[in-house]
Amino acid sequence: MTSSSEDAFSKLAVDHWRLIRVLARLVDRLPQESQARVAAQARFAGSQLDSLVKDQGLSLVTFEGRAFDPSLPVTAVNADDFVGASALLVSETVEPTVMADGRVIQLGKVLVSQGGVDASRN
């Protein structure tokens, strides 16, 4: 895969990943009779995405629950909320990091929290 097509594919994969997550989060808000069908569609779309990404030699990496470290290939979108804080954790992946053969194709975006408290719920 060439660099420009790799970049384009990685952006499309991240957008698809985000849509699948939104869909999965909305399942509980649907009428009971629609929940199982929509949840199955979200799982299928996720497995299709995983297969396509793998076929292209890429991987989508998330870091939930890991200690946040500036060396992680992500941007903490709420880092300003924790200036000078220590022991930050990745509480949520907003966008996964796209990697190929150990190199970063696209930086991920995460939310961090301090001491295991989910900052996205404050």
C-alpha atoms as a PDB file:
ATOM      1  CA  MET A   1       0.000   0.000   0.000  1.00  0.00           C
ATOM      2  CA  THR A   2       1.412   3.401  -0.889  1.00  0.00           C
ATOM      3  CA  SER A   3       1.717   6.106   1.699  1.00  0.00           C
ATOM      4  CA  SER A   4      -1.156   8.240   0.358  1.00  0.00           C
ATOM      5  CA  SER A   5      -3.492   5.256  -0.017  1.00  0.00           C
ATOM      6  CA  GLU A   6      -2.387   4.006   3.411  1.00  0.00           C
ATOM      7  CA  ASP A   7      -3.245   7.404   4.903  1.00  0.00           C
ATOM      8  CA  ALA A   8      -6.602   7.500   3.132  1.00  0.00           C
ATOM      9  CA  PHE A   9      -7.466   3.956   4.191  1.00  0.00           C
ATOM     10  CA  SER A  10      -6.440   4.629   7.794  1.00  0.00           C
ATOM     11  CA  LYS A  11      -8.656   7.731   7.959  1.00  0.00           C
ATOM     12  CA  LEU A  12     -11.581   5.777   6.540  1.00  0.00           C
ATOM     13  CA  ALA A  13     -10.963   2.921   8.989  1.00  0.00           C
ATOM     14  CA  VAL A  14     -10.912   5.313  11.960  1.00  0.00           C
ATOM     15  CA  ASP A  15     -14.152   6.962  10.789  1.00  0.00           C
ATOM     16  CA  HIS A  16     -15.767   3.543  10.399  1.00  0.00           C
ATOM     17  CA  TRP A  17     -14.509   2.517  13.877  1.00  0.00           C
ATOM     18  CA  ARG A  18     -16.072   5.654  15.372  1.00  0.00           C
ATOM     19  CA  LEU A  19     -19.407   5.024  13.636  1.00  0.00           C
ATOM     20  CA  ILE A  20     -19.492   1.445  14.921  1.00  0.00           C
ATOM     21  CA  ARG A  21     -18.869   2.675  18.490  1.00  0.00           C
ATOM     22  CA  VAL A  22     -21.639   5.259  18.219  1.00  0.00           C
ATOM     23  CA  LEU A  23     -24.016   2.633  16.875  1.00  0.00           C
ATOM     24  CA  ALA A  24     -23.131   0.214  19.678  1.00  0.00           C
ATOM     25  CA  ARG A  25     -23.739   2.922  22.294  1.00  0.00           C
ATOM     26  CA  LEU A  26     -27.145   3.747  20.816  1.00  0.00           C
ATOM     27  CA  VAL A  27     -28.430   0.158  20.935  1.00  0.00           C
ATOM     28  CA  ASP A  28     -29.783   0.540  24.480  1.00  0.00           C
ATOM     29  CA  ARG A  29     -31.852   3.537  23.393  1.00  0.00           C
ATOM     30  CA  LEU A  30     -33.647   1.611  20.654  1.00  0.00           C
ATOM     31  CA  PRO A  31     -36.964  -0.167  21.087  1.00  0.00           C
ATOM     32  CA  GLN A  32     -36.455  -3.625  22.615  1.00  0.00           C
ATOM     33  CA  GLU A  33     -37.466  -5.402  19.388  1.00  0.00           C
ATOM     34  CA  SER A  34     -34.693  -3.632  17.419  1.00  0.00           C
ATOM     35  CA  GLN A  35     -31.811  -3.929  19.892  1.00  0.00           C
ATOM     36  CA  ALA A  36     -30.604  -7.452  19.042  1.00  0.00           C
ATOM     37  CA  ARG A  37     -30.673  -6.834  15.289  1.00  0.00           C
ATOM     38  CA  VAL A  38     -28.802  -3.523  15.487  1.00  0.00           C
ATOM     39  CA  ALA A  39     -26.270  -4.916  17.977  1.00  0.00           C
ATOM     40  CA  ALA A  40     -25.611  -7.822  15.597  1.00  0.00           C
ATOM     41  CA  GLN A  41     -25.139  -5.384  12.707  1.00  0.00           C
ATOM     42  CA  ALA A  42     -22.639  -3.376  14.769  1.00  0.00           C
ATOM     43  CA  ARG A  43     -20.693  -6.545  15.677  1.00  0.00           C
ATOM     44  CA  PHE A  44     -20.681  -7.657  12.038  1.00  0.00           C
ATOM     45  CA  ALA A  45     -19.479  -4.236  10.864  1.00  0.00           C
ATOM     46  CA  GLY A  46     -16.737  -4.381  13.501  1.00  0.00           C
ATOM     47  CA  SER A  47     -15.572  -7.812  12.374  1.00  0.00           C
ATOM     48  CA  GLN A  48     -15.596  -6.680   8.738  1.00  0.00           C
ATOM     49  CA  LEU A  49     -13.513  -3.641   9.665  1.00  0.00           C
ATOM     50  CA  ASP A  50     -11.065  -5.810  11.609  1.00  0.00           C
ATOM     51  CA  SER A  51     -10.655  -8.115   8.600  1.00  0.00           C
ATOM     52  CA  LEU A  52     -10.152  -5.279   6.121  1.00  0.00           C
ATOM     53  CA  VAL A  53      -7.659  -3.500   8.361  1.00  0.00           C
ATOM     54  CA  LYS A  54      -5.715  -6.726   8.898  1.00  0.00           C
ATOM     55  CA  ASP A  55      -5.734  -7.468   5.134  1.00  0.00           C
ATOM     56  CA  GLN A  56      -4.070  -4.092   4.571  1.00  0.00           C
ATOM     57  CA  GLY A  57      -1.348  -4.872   7.112  1.00  0.00           C
ATOM     58  CA  LEU A  58      -2.668  -2.320   9.589  1.00  0.00           C
ATOM     59  CA  SER A  59      -3.959  -2.471  13.135  1.00  0.00           C
ATOM     60  CA  LEU A  60      -6.232  -0.191  15.157  1.00  0.00           C
ATOM     61  CA  VAL A  61      -4.848   0.121  18.684  1.00  0.00           C
ATOM     62  CA  THR A  62      -6.718   1.355  21.753  1.00  0.00           C
ATOM     63  CA  PHE A  63      -5.209   2.046  25.153  1.00  0.00           C
ATOM     64  CA  GLU A  64      -8.101   2.028  27.679  1.00  0.00           C
ATOM     65  CA  GLY A  65      -6.966   1.206  31.187  1.00  0.00           C
ATOM     66  CA  ARG A  66      -3.276   1.756  30.480  1.00  0.00           C
ATOM     67  CA  ALA A  67      -1.176   4.306  32.270  1.00  0.00           C
ATOM     68  CA  PHE A  68      -0.947   7.429  30.153  1.00  0.00           C
ATOM     69  CA  ASP A  69       2.577   8.187  29.114  1.00  0.00           C
ATOM     70  CA  PRO A  70       3.749  10.873  26.677  1.00  0.00           C
ATOM     71  CA  SER A  71       5.460   8.125  24.686  1.00  0.00           C
ATOM     72  CA  LEU A  72       2.101   6.527  23.783  1.00  0.00           C
ATOM     73  CA  PRO A  73       1.196   7.236  20.154  1.00  0.00           C
ATOM     74  CA  VAL A  74      -1.870   9.265  21.133  1.00  0.00           C
ATOM     75  CA  THR A  75      -2.988  12.776  21.871  1.00  0.00           C
ATOM     76  CA  ALA A  76      -4.823  13.314  25.156  1.00  0.00           C
ATOM     77  CA  VAL A  77      -7.636  15.652  24.139  1.00  0.00           C
ATOM     78  CA  ASN A  78      -8.342  16.634  27.753  1.00  0.00           C
ATOM     79  CA  ALA A  79      -4.713  16.922  28.895  1.00  0.00           C
ATOM     80  CA  ASP A  80      -5.205  20.567  29.893  1.00  0.00           C
ATOM     81  CA  ASP A  81      -7.547  19.361  32.658  1.00  0.00           C
ATOM     82  CA  PHE A  82      -4.617  17.552  34.322  1.00  0.00           C
ATOM     83  CA  VAL A  83      -1.642  19.900  34.061  1.00  0.00           C
ATOM     84  CA  GLY A  84       0.903  18.845  36.673  1.00  0.00           C
ATOM     85  CA  ALA A  85      -1.032  15.718  37.632  1.00  0.00           C
ATOM     86  CA  SER A  86       0.644  12.366  37.961  1.00  0.00           C
ATOM     87  CA  ALA A  87      -0.576   8.799  37.470  1.00  0.00           C
ATOM     88  CA  LEU A  88      -2.941   9.473  34.591  1.00  0.00           C
ATOM     89  CA  LEU A  89      -4.854   6.621  32.987  1.00  0.00           C
ATOM     90  CA  VAL A  90      -6.367   6.340  29.543  1.00  0.00           C
ATOM     91  CA  SER A  91     -10.081   6.262  30.324  1.00  0.00           C
ATOM     92  CA  GLU A  92     -11.471   6.231  26.774  1.00  0.00           C
ATOM     93  CA  THR A  93     -10.242   5.988  23.217  1.00  0.00           C
ATOM     94  CA  VAL A  94     -11.810   8.669  21.043  1.00  0.00           C
ATOM     95  CA  GLU A  95      -9.920   7.502  17.937  1.00  0.00           C
ATOM     96  CA  PRO A  96      -7.640   4.461  17.745  1.00  0.00           C
ATOM     97  CA  THR A  97      -3.993   4.688  16.781  1.00  0.00           C
ATOM     98  CA  VAL A  98      -3.380   3.210  13.328  1.00  0.00           C
ATOM     99  CA  MET A  99      -0.179   1.193  13.076  1.00  0.00           C
ATOM    100  CA  ALA A 100       1.605  -0.812  10.392  1.00  0.00           C
ATOM    101  CA  ASP A 101       4.704  -2.904  10.971  1.00  0.00           C
ATOM    102  CA  GLY A 102       5.484  -1.151  14.251  1.00  0.00           C
ATOM    103  CA  ARG A 103       5.205   2.350  12.809  1.00  0.00           C
ATOM    104  CA  VAL A 104       2.484   4.867  13.536  1.00  0.00           C
ATOM    105  CA  ILE A 105       0.349   5.789  10.535  1.00  0.00           C
ATOM    106  CA  GLN A 106      -2.102   7.973  12.453  1.00  0.00           C
ATOM    107  CA  LEU A 107      -2.011   9.120  16.082  1.00  0.00           C
ATOM    108  CA  GLY A 108      -4.954   8.139  18.233  1.00  0.00           C
ATOM    109  CA  LYS A 109      -6.962  10.438  20.462  1.00  0.00           C
ATOM    110  CA  VAL A 110      -7.813   9.557  24.051  1.00  0.00           C
ATOM    111  CA  LEU A 111      -9.399  10.922  27.194  1.00  0.00           C
ATOM    112  CA  VAL A 112      -7.342  10.613  30.351  1.00  0.00           C
ATOM    113  CA  SER A 113      -8.328  10.521  34.001  1.00  0.00           C
ATOM    114  CA  GLN A 114      -6.441  10.640  37.259  1.00  0.00           C
ATOM    115  CA  GLY A 115      -6.308   7.747  39.683  1.00  0.00           C
ATOM    116  CA  GLY A 116      -8.786   5.578  37.823  1.00  0.00           C
ATOM    117  CA  VAL A 117     -11.677   8.075  37.979  1.00  0.00           C
ATOM    118  CA  ASP A 118     -13.336   8.326  34.583  1.00  0.00           C
ATOM    119  CA  ALA A 119     -12.905  11.988  33.605  1.00  0.00           C
ATOM    120  CA  SER A 120     -15.494  11.680  30.838  1.00  0.00           C
ATOM    121  CA  ARG A 121     -18.197  11.355  33.522  1.00  0.00           C
ATOM    122  CA  ASN A 122     -17.240  14.416  35.598  1.00  0.00           C
END
